[in-house]
Amino acid sequence: MLGQSHYLDAALRDMPQQVDTQIVMAADFLDDRMGIVAPGKQSTYRVGTSAYAFISTLNQVLQEADYGRRGLYIVSAALERLLDDLDKEGELPPPVRRKRDDSDTRA
C-alpha cells in the first residue's frame, strides 16, 4: 500500500538531472494537454533526502534557465513518466504470504 508521497519520491529520485531535459519533459507534458492544465494545489509530502534536494532547488534552477514559475509542470511530468513506466511493467502479482514455521517462537 503506497501513499502519494511514495510515488512523488520515486518520481523525483528518477528525474533527469539536466535542467534542459526537465524543461523538454514539461513542454511535452503541456503539449499533450494543449496547454490546458488544472491549477495546482499547494501540498506537503514527506520525501527522501535526494528528492528533497532536487525539489528544494527547483525554483531557483528554473529561474536561472529562464523557465521560472513552472515547477508544477516539471513535477507533473516526472509523476506522469513514473506512472507510465509502471503501467508498461504491468500489474504487480499479489504478495505471497509466508507459511508460519512451527519453530517460530515469537508471540
PDB file of N, CA and C in Angstrom:
ATOM      1  N   MET A   1       0.841  -1.176   0.000  1.00  0.00           N
ATOM      2  CA  MET A   1       0.000   0.000   0.000  1.00  0.00           C
ATOM      3  C   MET A   1       0.885   1.239   0.000  1.00  0.00           C
ATOM      4  N   LEU A   2       1.032   1.825  -1.166  1.00  0.00           N
ATOM      5  CA  LEU A   2       1.869   3.004  -1.288  1.00  0.00           C
ATOM      6  C   LEU A   2       1.014   4.265  -1.213  1.00  0.00           C
ATOM      7  N   GLY A   3       1.561   5.272  -0.576  1.00  0.00           N
ATOM      8  CA  GLY A   3       0.893   6.568  -0.491  1.00  0.00           C
ATOM      9  C   GLY A   3       1.390   7.487  -1.588  1.00  0.00           C
ATOM     10  N   GLN A   4       0.737   8.619  -1.731  1.00  0.00           N
ATOM     11  CA  GLN A   4       1.119   9.583  -2.758  1.00  0.00           C
ATOM     12  C   GLN A   4       2.568  10.030  -2.595  1.00  0.00           C
ATOM     13  N   SER A   5       3.017  10.157  -1.361  1.00  0.00           N
ATOM     14  CA  SER A   5       4.393  10.613  -1.149  1.00  0.00           C
ATOM     15  C   SER A   5       5.406   9.596  -1.663  1.00  0.00           C
ATOM     16  N   HIS A   6       5.065   8.302  -1.622  1.00  0.00           N
ATOM     17  CA  HIS A   6       5.966   7.280  -2.155  1.00  0.00           C
ATOM     18  C   HIS A   6       6.149   7.452  -3.667  1.00  0.00           C
ATOM     19  N   TYR A   7       5.055   7.704  -4.354  1.00  0.00           N
ATOM     20  CA  TYR A   7       5.129   7.911  -5.801  1.00  0.00           C
ATOM     21  C   TYR A   7       5.898   9.191  -6.132  1.00  0.00           C
ATOM     22  N   LEU A   8       5.622  10.246  -5.388  1.00  0.00           N
ATOM     23  CA  LEU A   8       6.316  11.503  -5.619  1.00  0.00           C
ATOM     24  C   LEU A   8       7.815  11.338  -5.382  1.00  0.00           C
ATOM     25  N   ASP A   9       8.171  10.679  -4.309  1.00  0.00           N
ATOM     26  CA  ASP A   9       9.582  10.451  -4.001  1.00  0.00           C
ATOM     27  C   ASP A   9      10.255   9.659  -5.119  1.00  0.00           C
ATOM     28  N   ALA A  10       9.619   8.598  -5.563  1.00  0.00           N
ATOM     29  CA  ALA A  10      10.202   7.776  -6.637  1.00  0.00           C
ATOM     30  C   ALA A  10      10.335   8.574  -7.931  1.00  0.00           C
ATOM     31  N   ALA A  11       9.334   9.373  -8.258  1.00  0.00           N
ATOM     32  CA  ALA A  11       9.376  10.164  -9.489  1.00  0.00           C
ATOM     33  C   ALA A  11      10.498  11.196  -9.438  1.00  0.00           C
ATOM     34  N   LEU A  12      10.677  11.844  -8.307  1.00  0.00           N
ATOM     35  CA  LEU A  12      11.706  12.872  -8.195  1.00  0.00           C
ATOM     36  C   LEU A  12      13.106  12.270  -8.146  1.00  0.00           C
ATOM     37  N   ARG A  13      13.236  11.108  -7.528  1.00  0.00           N
ATOM     38  CA  ARG A  13      14.554  10.455  -7.484  1.00  0.00           C
ATOM     39  C   ARG A  13      14.985   9.993  -8.869  1.00  0.00           C
ATOM     40  N   ASP A  14      14.020   9.697  -9.727  1.00  0.00           N
ATOM     41  CA  ASP A  14      14.313   9.186 -11.070  1.00  0.00           C
ATOM     42  C   ASP A  14      14.377  10.308 -12.113  1.00  0.00           C
ATOM     43  N   MET A  15      14.259  11.532 -11.671  1.00  0.00           N
ATOM     44  CA  MET A  15      14.223  12.677 -12.574  1.00  0.00           C
ATOM     45  C   MET A  15      15.592  12.917 -13.203  1.00  0.00           C
ATOM     46  N   PRO A  16      15.640  13.172 -14.511  1.00  0.00           N
ATOM     47  CA  PRO A  16      16.924  13.531 -15.123  1.00  0.00           C
ATOM     48  C   PRO A  16      17.492  14.778 -14.443  1.00  0.00           C
ATOM     49  N   GLN A  17      18.795  14.827 -14.295  1.00  0.00           N
ATOM     50  CA  GLN A  17      19.436  15.947 -13.593  1.00  0.00           C
ATOM     51  C   GLN A  17      19.626  17.183 -14.466  1.00  0.00           C
ATOM     52  N   GLN A  18      19.613  17.012 -15.782  1.00  0.00           N
ATOM     53  CA  GLN A  18      19.827  18.138 -16.685  1.00  0.00           C
ATOM     54  C   GLN A  18      18.554  18.974 -16.781  1.00  0.00           C
ATOM     55  N   VAL A  19      18.675  20.254 -16.480  1.00  0.00           N
ATOM     56  CA  VAL A  19      17.514  21.129 -16.491  1.00  0.00           C
ATOM     57  C   VAL A  19      16.905  21.232 -17.889  1.00  0.00           C
ATOM     58  N   ASP A  20      17.731  21.177 -18.929  1.00  0.00           N
ATOM     59  CA  ASP A  20      17.191  21.233 -20.296  1.00  0.00           C
ATOM     60  C   ASP A  20      16.271  20.046 -20.571  1.00  0.00           C
ATOM     61  N   THR A  21      16.646  18.870 -20.081  1.00  0.00           N
ATOM     62  CA  THR A  21      15.815  17.676 -20.247  1.00  0.00           C
ATOM     63  C   THR A  21      14.517  17.813 -19.460  1.00  0.00           C
ATOM     64  N   GLN A  22      14.597  18.373 -18.273  1.00  0.00           N
ATOM     65  CA  GLN A  22      13.407  18.593 -17.451  1.00  0.00           C
ATOM     66  C   GLN A  22      12.445  19.549 -18.155  1.00  0.00           C
ATOM     67  N   ILE A  23      12.997  20.589 -18.754  1.00  0.00           N
ATOM     68  CA  ILE A  23      12.161  21.564 -19.449  1.00  0.00           C
ATOM     69  C   ILE A  23      11.484  20.924 -20.669  1.00  0.00           C
ATOM     70  N   VAL A  24      12.204  20.084 -21.387  1.00  0.00           N
ATOM     71  CA  VAL A  24      11.606  19.369 -22.525  1.00  0.00           C
ATOM     72  C   VAL A  24      10.474  18.462 -22.033  1.00  0.00           C
ATOM     73  N   MET A  25      10.696  17.775 -20.915  1.00  0.00           N
ATOM     74  CA  MET A  25       9.644  16.920 -20.348  1.00  0.00           C
ATOM     75  C   MET A  25       8.407  17.748 -20.007  1.00  0.00           C
ATOM     76  N   ALA A  26       8.612  18.905 -19.397  1.00  0.00           N
ATOM     77  CA  ALA A  26       7.494  19.775 -19.032  1.00  0.00           C
ATOM     78  C   ALA A  26       6.775  20.288 -20.277  1.00  0.00           C
ATOM     79  N   ALA A  27       7.545  20.671 -21.300  1.00  0.00           N
ATOM     80  CA  ALA A  27       6.932  21.154 -22.546  1.00  0.00           C
ATOM     81  C   ALA A  27       6.113  20.050 -23.212  1.00  0.00           C
ATOM     82  N   ASP A  28       6.631  18.829 -23.218  1.00  0.00           N
ATOM     83  CA  ASP A  28       5.884  17.697 -23.775  1.00  0.00           C
ATOM     84  C   ASP A  28       4.605  17.444 -22.977  1.00  0.00           C
ATOM     85  N   PHE A  29       4.721  17.542 -21.657  1.00  0.00           N
ATOM     86  CA  PHE A  29       3.557  17.381 -20.777  1.00  0.00           C
ATOM     87  C   PHE A  29       2.479  18.396 -21.152  1.00  0.00           C
ATOM     88  N   LEU A  30       2.887  19.652 -21.333  1.00  0.00           N
ATOM     89  CA  LEU A  30       1.930  20.700 -21.707  1.00  0.00           C
ATOM     90  C   LEU A  30       1.392  20.502 -23.113  1.00  0.00           C
ATOM     91  N   ASP A  31       2.241  20.106 -24.050  1.00  0.00           N
ATOM     92  CA  ASP A  31       1.797  19.865 -25.424  1.00  0.00           C
ATOM     93  C   ASP A  31       0.740  18.769 -25.486  1.00  0.00           C
ATOM     94  N   ASP A  32       0.938  17.711 -24.702  1.00  0.00           N
ATOM     95  CA  ASP A  32      -0.035  16.613 -24.678  1.00  0.00           C
ATOM     96  C   ASP A  32      -1.416  17.087 -24.233  1.00  0.00           C
ATOM     97  N   ARG A  33      -1.444  18.159 -23.451  1.00  0.00           N
ATOM     98  CA  ARG A  33      -2.704  18.687 -22.931  1.00  0.00           C
ATOM     99  C   ARG A  33      -3.114  19.979 -23.631  1.00  0.00           C
ATOM    100  N   MET A  34      -2.449  20.290 -24.727  1.00  0.00           N
ATOM    101  CA  MET A  34      -2.683  21.523 -25.481  1.00  0.00           C
ATOM    102  C   MET A  34      -2.643  22.744 -24.566  1.00  0.00           C
ATOM    103  N   GLY A  35      -1.754  22.704 -23.574  1.00  0.00           N
ATOM    104  CA  GLY A  35      -1.548  23.836 -22.674  1.00  0.00           C
ATOM    105  C   GLY A  35      -2.603  24.008 -21.605  1.00  0.00           C
ATOM    106  N   ILE A  36      -3.564  23.095 -21.563  1.00  0.00           N
ATOM    107  CA  ILE A  36      -4.647  23.219 -20.576  1.00  0.00           C
ATOM    108  C   ILE A  36      -4.359  22.283 -19.412  1.00  0.00           C
ATOM    109  N   VAL A  37      -4.019  22.877 -18.280  1.00  0.00           N
ATOM    110  CA  VAL A  37      -3.696  22.123 -17.075  1.00  0.00           C
ATOM    111  C   VAL A  37      -4.436  22.770 -15.917  1.00  0.00           C
ATOM    112  N   ALA A  38      -5.082  21.946 -15.113  1.00  0.00           N
ATOM    113  CA  ALA A  38      -5.788  22.474 -13.947  1.00  0.00           C
ATOM    114  C   ALA A  38      -4.786  23.141 -13.005  1.00  0.00           C
ATOM    115  N   PRO A  39      -5.215  24.169 -12.302  1.00  0.00           N
ATOM    116  CA  PRO A  39      -4.296  24.827 -11.381  1.00  0.00           C
ATOM    117  C   PRO A  39      -3.806  23.845 -10.317  1.00  0.00           C
ATOM    118  N   GLY A  40      -2.568  24.024  -9.921  1.00  0.00           N
ATOM    119  CA  GLY A  40      -2.000  23.169  -8.883  1.00  0.00           C
ATOM    120  C   GLY A  40      -2.507  23.570  -7.509  1.00  0.00           C
ATOM    121  N   LYS A  41      -2.386  22.659  -6.588  1.00  0.00           N
ATOM    122  CA  LYS A  41      -2.765  22.922  -5.204  1.00  0.00           C
ATOM    123  C   LYS A  41      -1.526  22.736  -4.349  1.00  0.00           C
ATOM    124  N   GLN A  42      -1.357  23.632  -3.399  1.00  0.00           N
ATOM    125  CA  GLN A  42      -0.224  23.502  -2.514  1.00  0.00           C
ATOM    126  C   GLN A  42      -0.407  22.253  -1.667  1.00  0.00           C
ATOM    127  N   SER A  43       0.669  21.504  -1.503  1.00  0.00           N
ATOM    128  CA  SER A  43       0.587  20.274  -0.725  1.00  0.00           C
ATOM    129  C   SER A  43       1.923  20.034  -0.040  1.00  0.00           C
ATOM    130  N   THR A  44       1.889  19.157   0.927  1.00  0.00           N
ATOM    131  CA  THR A  44       3.092  18.813   1.669  1.00  0.00           C
ATOM    132  C   THR A  44       3.202  17.300   1.714  1.00  0.00           C
ATOM    133  N   TYR A  45       4.368  16.785   1.325  1.00  0.00           N
ATOM    134  CA  TYR A  45       4.622  15.354   1.355  1.00  0.00           C
ATOM    135  C   TYR A  45       5.993  15.112   1.964  1.00  0.00           C
ATOM    136  N   ARG A  46       6.155  13.988   2.570  1.00  0.00           N
ATOM    137  CA  ARG A  46       7.463  13.575   3.046  1.00  0.00           C
ATOM    138  C   ARG A  46       8.154  12.819   1.925  1.00  0.00           C
ATOM    139  N   VAL A  47       9.378  13.234   1.634  1.00  0.00           N
ATOM    140  CA  VAL A  47      10.170  12.564   0.609  1.00  0.00           C
ATOM    141  C   VAL A  47      11.568  12.335   1.174  1.00  0.00           C
ATOM    142  N   GLY A  48      12.326  11.496   0.498  1.00  0.00           N
ATOM    143  CA  GLY A  48      13.689  11.202   0.920  1.00  0.00           C
ATOM    144  C   GLY A  48      14.634  12.369   0.660  1.00  0.00           C
ATOM    145  N   THR A  49      15.862  12.199   1.097  1.00  0.00           N
ATOM    146  CA  THR A  49      16.831  13.293   1.020  1.00  0.00           C
ATOM    147  C   THR A  49      17.172  13.682  -0.420  1.00  0.00           C
ATOM    148  N   SER A  50      17.294  12.724  -1.320  1.00  0.00           N
ATOM    149  CA  SER A  50      17.638  13.082  -2.702  1.00  0.00           C
ATOM    150  C   SER A  50      16.476  13.788  -3.391  1.00  0.00           C
ATOM    151  N   ALA A  51      15.253  13.346  -3.147  1.00  0.00           N
ATOM    152  CA  ALA A  51      14.087  14.020  -3.728  1.00  0.00           C
ATOM    153  C   ALA A  51      13.949  15.424  -3.138  1.00  0.00           C
ATOM    154  N   TYR A  52      14.208  15.555  -1.842  1.00  0.00           N
ATOM    155  CA  TYR A  52      14.138  16.868  -1.204  1.00  0.00           C
ATOM    156  C   TYR A  52      15.193  17.813  -1.772  1.00  0.00           C
ATOM    157  N   ALA A  53      16.399  17.308  -1.965  1.00  0.00           N
ATOM    158  CA  ALA A  53      17.469  18.133  -2.522  1.00  0.00           C
ATOM    159  C   ALA A  53      17.075  18.641  -3.907  1.00  0.00           C
ATOM    160  N   PHE A  54      16.457  17.787  -4.707  1.00  0.00           N
ATOM    161  CA  PHE A  54      16.013  18.192  -6.045  1.00  0.00           C
ATOM    162  C   PHE A  54      14.934  19.266  -5.962  1.00  0.00           C
ATOM    163  N   ILE A  55      13.898  18.999  -5.185  1.00  0.00           N
ATOM    164  CA  ILE A  55      12.734  19.887  -5.173  1.00  0.00           C
ATOM    165  C   ILE A  55      13.043  21.211  -4.480  1.00  0.00           C
ATOM    166  N   SER A  56      13.947  21.201  -3.504  1.00  0.00           N
ATOM    167  CA  SER A  56      14.231  22.432  -2.763  1.00  0.00           C
ATOM    168  C   SER A  56      15.000  23.450  -3.602  1.00  0.00           C
ATOM    169  N   THR A  57      15.653  23.002  -4.656  1.00  0.00           N
ATOM    170  CA  THR A  57      16.397  23.931  -5.519  1.00  0.00           C
ATOM    171  C   THR A  57      15.714  24.136  -6.874  1.00  0.00           C
ATOM    172  N   LEU A  58      14.604  23.478  -7.093  1.00  0.00           N
ATOM    173  CA  LEU A  58      13.961  23.500  -8.408  1.00  0.00           C
ATOM    174  C   LEU A  58      13.599  24.913  -8.866  1.00  0.00           C
ATOM    175  N   ASN A  59      12.960  25.695  -8.011  1.00  0.00           N
ATOM    176  CA  ASN A  59      12.546  27.034  -8.439  1.00  0.00           C
ATOM    177  C   ASN A  59      13.738  27.891  -8.846  1.00  0.00           C
ATOM    178  N   GLN A  60      14.800  27.843  -8.081  1.00  0.00           N
ATOM    179  CA  GLN A  60      15.985  28.635  -8.410  1.00  0.00           C
ATOM    180  C   GLN A  60      16.608  28.175  -9.721  1.00  0.00           C
ATOM    181  N   VAL A  61      16.721  26.863  -9.897  1.00  0.00           N
ATOM    182  CA  VAL A  61      17.306  26.317 -11.125  1.00  0.00           C
ATOM    183  C   VAL A  61      16.464  26.719 -12.339  1.00  0.00           C
ATOM    184  N   LEU A  62      15.150  26.661 -12.199  1.00  0.00           N
ATOM    185  CA  LEU A  62      14.275  27.039 -13.310  1.00  0.00           C
ATOM    186  C   LEU A  62      14.342  28.542 -13.593  1.00  0.00           C
ATOM    187  N   GLN A  63      14.476  29.350 -12.558  1.00  0.00           N
ATOM    188  CA  GLN A  63      14.644  30.797 -12.766  1.00  0.00           C
ATOM    189  C   GLN A  63      15.913  31.071 -13.565  1.00  0.00           C
ATOM    190  N   GLU A  64      16.996  30.399 -13.197  1.00  0.00           N
ATOM    191  CA  GLU A  64      18.264  30.588 -13.890  1.00  0.00           C
ATOM    192  C   GLU A  64      18.192  30.134 -15.346  1.00  0.00           C
ATOM    193  N   ALA A  65      17.319  29.181 -15.632  1.00  0.00           N
ATOM    194  CA  ALA A  65      17.157  28.680 -17.002  1.00  0.00           C
ATOM    195  C   ALA A  65      16.067  29.441 -17.757  1.00  0.00           C
ATOM    196  N   ASP A  66      15.588  30.531 -17.170  1.00  0.00           N
ATOM    197  CA  ASP A  66      14.528  31.347 -17.766  1.00  0.00           C
ATOM    198  C   ASP A  66      13.251  30.528 -17.997  1.00  0.00           C
ATOM    199  N   TYR A  67      12.960  29.644 -17.053  1.00  0.00           N
ATOM    200  CA  TYR A  67      11.747  28.822 -17.114  1.00  0.00           C
ATOM    201  C   TYR A  67      11.053  28.877 -15.748  1.00  0.00           C
ATOM    202  N   GLY A  68      11.124  30.036 -15.125  1.00  0.00           N
ATOM    203  CA  GLY A  68      10.603  30.201 -13.771  1.00  0.00           C
ATOM    204  C   GLY A  68       9.106  30.018 -13.663  1.00  0.00           C
ATOM    205  N   ARG A  69       8.693  29.686 -12.466  1.00  0.00           N
ATOM    206  CA  ARG A  69       7.280  29.521 -12.090  1.00  0.00           C
ATOM    207  C   ARG A  69       6.586  28.407 -12.867  1.00  0.00           C
ATOM    208  N   ARG A  70       7.350  27.407 -13.270  1.00  0.00           N
ATOM    209  CA  ARG A  70       6.764  26.278 -13.992  1.00  0.00           C
ATOM    210  C   ARG A  70       7.147  24.944 -13.352  1.00  0.00           C
ATOM    211  N   GLY A  71       7.536  24.999 -12.098  1.00  0.00           N
ATOM    212  CA  GLY A  71       7.930  23.778 -11.391  1.00  0.00           C
ATOM    213  C   GLY A  71       6.815  22.742 -11.336  1.00  0.00           C
ATOM    214  N   LEU A  72       5.580  23.216 -11.284  1.00  0.00           N
ATOM    215  CA  LEU A  72       4.436  22.299 -11.277  1.00  0.00           C
ATOM    216  C   LEU A  72       4.469  21.373 -12.482  1.00  0.00           C
ATOM    217  N   TYR A  73       4.841  21.908 -13.641  1.00  0.00           N
ATOM    218  CA  TYR A  73       4.871  21.101 -14.855  1.00  0.00           C
ATOM    219  C   TYR A  73       6.034  20.109 -14.848  1.00  0.00           C
ATOM    220  N   ILE A  74       7.142  20.510 -14.250  1.00  0.00           N
ATOM    221  CA  ILE A  74       8.288  19.601 -14.126  1.00  0.00           C
ATOM    222  C   ILE A  74       7.897  18.413 -13.244  1.00  0.00           C
ATOM    223  N   VAL A  75       7.317  18.706 -12.095  1.00  0.00           N
ATOM    224  CA  VAL A  75       6.914  17.641 -11.161  1.00  0.00           C
ATOM    225  C   VAL A  75       5.813  16.779 -11.774  1.00  0.00           C
ATOM    226  N   SER A  76       4.864  17.402 -12.433  1.00  0.00           N
ATOM    227  CA  SER A  76       3.781  16.650 -13.077  1.00  0.00           C
ATOM    228  C   SER A  76       4.327  15.725 -14.156  1.00  0.00           C
ATOM    229  N   ALA A  77       5.274  16.225 -14.944  1.00  0.00           N
ATOM    230  CA  ALA A  77       5.891  15.400 -15.992  1.00  0.00           C
ATOM    231  C   ALA A  77       6.647  14.226 -15.378  1.00  0.00           C
ATOM    232  N   ALA A  78       7.317  14.461 -14.263  1.00  0.00           N
ATOM    233  CA  ALA A  78       8.045  13.383 -13.584  1.00  0.00           C
ATOM    234  C   ALA A  78       7.088  12.313 -13.075  1.00  0.00           C
ATOM    235  N   LEU A  79       5.988  12.742 -12.475  1.00  0.00           N
ATOM    236  CA  LEU A  79       4.996  11.778 -11.978  1.00  0.00           C
ATOM    237  C   LEU A  79       4.353  10.995 -13.120  1.00  0.00           C
ATOM    238  N   GLU A  80       4.016  11.700 -14.188  1.00  0.00           N
ATOM    239  CA  GLU A  80       3.414  11.023 -15.343  1.00  0.00           C
ATOM    240  C   GLU A  80       4.384   9.998 -15.930  1.00  0.00           C
ATOM    241  N   ARG A  81       5.633  10.358 -16.015  1.00  0.00           N
ATOM    242  CA  ARG A  81       6.656   9.434 -16.533  1.00  0.00           C
ATOM    243  C   ARG A  81       6.746   8.174 -15.672  1.00  0.00           C
ATOM    244  N   LEU A  82       6.765   8.359 -14.359  1.00  0.00           N
ATOM    245  CA  LEU A  82       6.817   7.207 -13.452  1.00  0.00           C
ATOM    246  C   LEU A  82       5.585   6.321 -13.621  1.00  0.00           C
ATOM    247  N   LEU A  83       4.412   6.922 -13.651  1.00  0.00           N
ATOM    248  CA  LEU A  83       3.174   6.142 -13.775  1.00  0.00           C
ATOM    249  C   LEU A  83       3.099   5.425 -15.121  1.00  0.00           C
ATOM    250  N   ASP A  84       3.554   6.070 -16.181  1.00  0.00           N
ATOM    251  CA  ASP A  84       3.586   5.418 -17.497  1.00  0.00           C
ATOM    252  C   ASP A  84       4.530   4.214 -17.473  1.00  0.00           C
ATOM    253  N   ASP A  85       5.694   4.382 -16.846  1.00  0.00           N
ATOM    254  CA  ASP A  85       6.650   3.275 -16.742  1.00  0.00           C
ATOM    255  C   ASP A  85       6.064   2.120 -15.944  1.00  0.00           C
ATOM    256  N   LEU A  86       5.349   2.440 -14.872  1.00  0.00           N
ATOM    257  CA  LEU A  86       4.720   1.386 -14.070  1.00  0.00           C
ATOM    258  C   LEU A  86       3.639   0.661 -14.868  1.00  0.00           C
ATOM    259  N   ASP A  87       2.870   1.406 -15.647  1.00  0.00           N
ATOM    260  CA  ASP A  87       1.843   0.780 -16.499  1.00  0.00           C
ATOM    261  C   ASP A  87       2.471  -0.180 -17.507  1.00  0.00           C
ATOM    262  N   LYS A  88       3.601   0.206 -18.072  1.00  0.00           N
ATOM    263  CA  LYS A  88       4.285  -0.651 -19.047  1.00  0.00           C
ATOM    264  C   LYS A  88       4.738  -1.966 -18.419  1.00  0.00           C
ATOM    265  N   GLU A  89       5.089  -1.922 -17.139  1.00  0.00           N
ATOM    266  CA  GLU A  89       5.548  -3.130 -16.454  1.00  0.00           C
ATOM    267  C   GLU A  89       4.405  -4.089 -16.157  1.00  0.00           C
ATOM    268  N   GLY A  90       3.184  -3.600 -16.198  1.00  0.00           N
ATOM    269  CA  GLY A  90       2.031  -4.463 -15.968  1.00  0.00           C
ATOM    270  C   GLY A  90       1.669  -4.560 -14.496  1.00  0.00           C
ATOM    271  N   GLU A  91       0.658  -5.349 -14.268  1.00  0.00           N
ATOM    272  CA  GLU A  91       0.132  -5.492 -12.916  1.00  0.00           C
ATOM    273  C   GLU A  91       1.113  -6.253 -12.029  1.00  0.00           C
ATOM    274  N   LEU A  92       1.218  -5.802 -10.805  1.00  0.00           N
ATOM    275  CA  LEU A  92       2.073  -6.493  -9.841  1.00  0.00           C
ATOM    276  C   LEU A  92       1.365  -7.738  -9.342  1.00  0.00           C
ATOM    277  N   PRO A  93       2.092  -8.830  -9.207  1.00  0.00           N
ATOM    278  CA  PRO A  93       1.459 -10.012  -8.626  1.00  0.00           C
ATOM    279  C   PRO A  93       1.223  -9.775  -7.139  1.00  0.00           C
ATOM    280  N   PRO A  94       0.183 -10.389  -6.603  1.00  0.00           N
ATOM    281  CA  PRO A  94      -0.073 -10.201  -5.170  1.00  0.00           C
ATOM    282  C   PRO A  94       1.063 -10.827  -4.361  1.00  0.00           C
ATOM    283  N   PRO A  95       1.348 -10.266  -3.198  1.00  0.00           N
ATOM    284  CA  PRO A  95       2.414 -10.841  -2.381  1.00  0.00           C
ATOM    285  C   PRO A  95       2.041 -12.242  -1.921  1.00  0.00           C
ATOM    286  N   VAL A  96       3.042 -13.069  -1.782  1.00  0.00           N
ATOM    287  CA  VAL A  96       2.832 -14.435  -1.314  1.00  0.00           C
ATOM    288  C   VAL A  96       3.062 -14.442   0.185  1.00  0.00           C
ATOM    289  N   ARG A  97       2.087 -14.909   0.884  1.00  0.00           N
ATOM    290  CA  ARG A  97       2.198 -14.957   2.343  1.00  0.00           C
ATOM    291  C   ARG A  97       3.078 -16.133   2.741  1.00  0.00           C
ATOM    292  N   ARG A  98       4.044 -15.859   3.569  1.00  0.00           N
ATOM    293  CA  ARG A  98       4.921 -16.923   4.059  1.00  0.00           C
ATOM    294  C   ARG A  98       4.139 -17.832   4.993  1.00  0.00           C
ATOM    295  N   LYS A  99       4.422 -19.112   4.886  1.00  0.00           N
ATOM    296  CA  LYS A  99       3.802 -20.041   5.815  1.00  0.00           C
ATOM    297  C   LYS A  99       4.511 -19.923   7.144  1.00  0.00           C
ATOM    298  N   ARG A 100       3.757 -20.025   8.167  1.00  0.00           N
ATOM    299  CA  ARG A 100       4.317 -19.912   9.512  1.00  0.00           C
ATOM    300  C   ARG A 100       5.086 -21.161   9.848  1.00  0.00           C
ATOM    301  N   ASP A 101       6.278 -20.949  10.334  1.00  0.00           N
ATOM    302  CA  ASP A 101       7.145 -22.041  10.726  1.00  0.00           C
ATOM    303  C   ASP A 101       6.828 -22.420  12.179  1.00  0.00           C
ATOM    304  N   ASP A 102       6.628 -23.709  12.447  1.00  0.00           N
ATOM    305  CA  ASP A 102       6.310 -24.145  13.807  1.00  0.00           C
ATOM    306  C   ASP A 102       7.420 -23.805  14.795  1.00  0.00           C
ATOM    307  N   SER A 103       8.627 -23.643  14.303  1.00  0.00           N
ATOM    308  CA  SER A 103       9.727 -23.326  15.206  1.00  0.00           C
ATOM    309  C   SER A 103       9.778 -21.832  15.539  1.00  0.00           C
ATOM    310  N   ASP A 104       8.891 -21.065  14.928  1.00  0.00           N
ATOM    311  CA  ASP A 104       8.854 -19.640  15.206  1.00  0.00           C
ATOM    312  C   ASP A 104       8.313 -19.451  16.606  1.00  0.00           C
ATOM    313  N   THR A 105       9.111 -18.871  17.476  1.00  0.00           N
ATOM    314  CA  THR A 105       8.721 -18.741  18.876  1.00  0.00           C
ATOM    315  C   THR A 105       8.209 -17.365  19.218  1.00  0.00           C
ATOM    316  N   ARG A 106       8.114 -16.484  18.216  1.00  0.00           N
ATOM    317  CA  ARG A 106       7.587 -15.146  18.523  1.00  0.00           C
ATOM    318  C   ARG A 106       6.118 -15.243  18.904  1.00  0.00           C
ATOM    319  N   ALA A 107       5.745 -14.438  19.856  1.00  0.00           N
ATOM    320  CA  ALA A 107       4.353 -14.466  20.300  1.00  0.00           C
ATOM    321  C   ALA A 107       3.618 -13.259  19.816  1.00  0.00           C
TER     322      ALA A 107
END
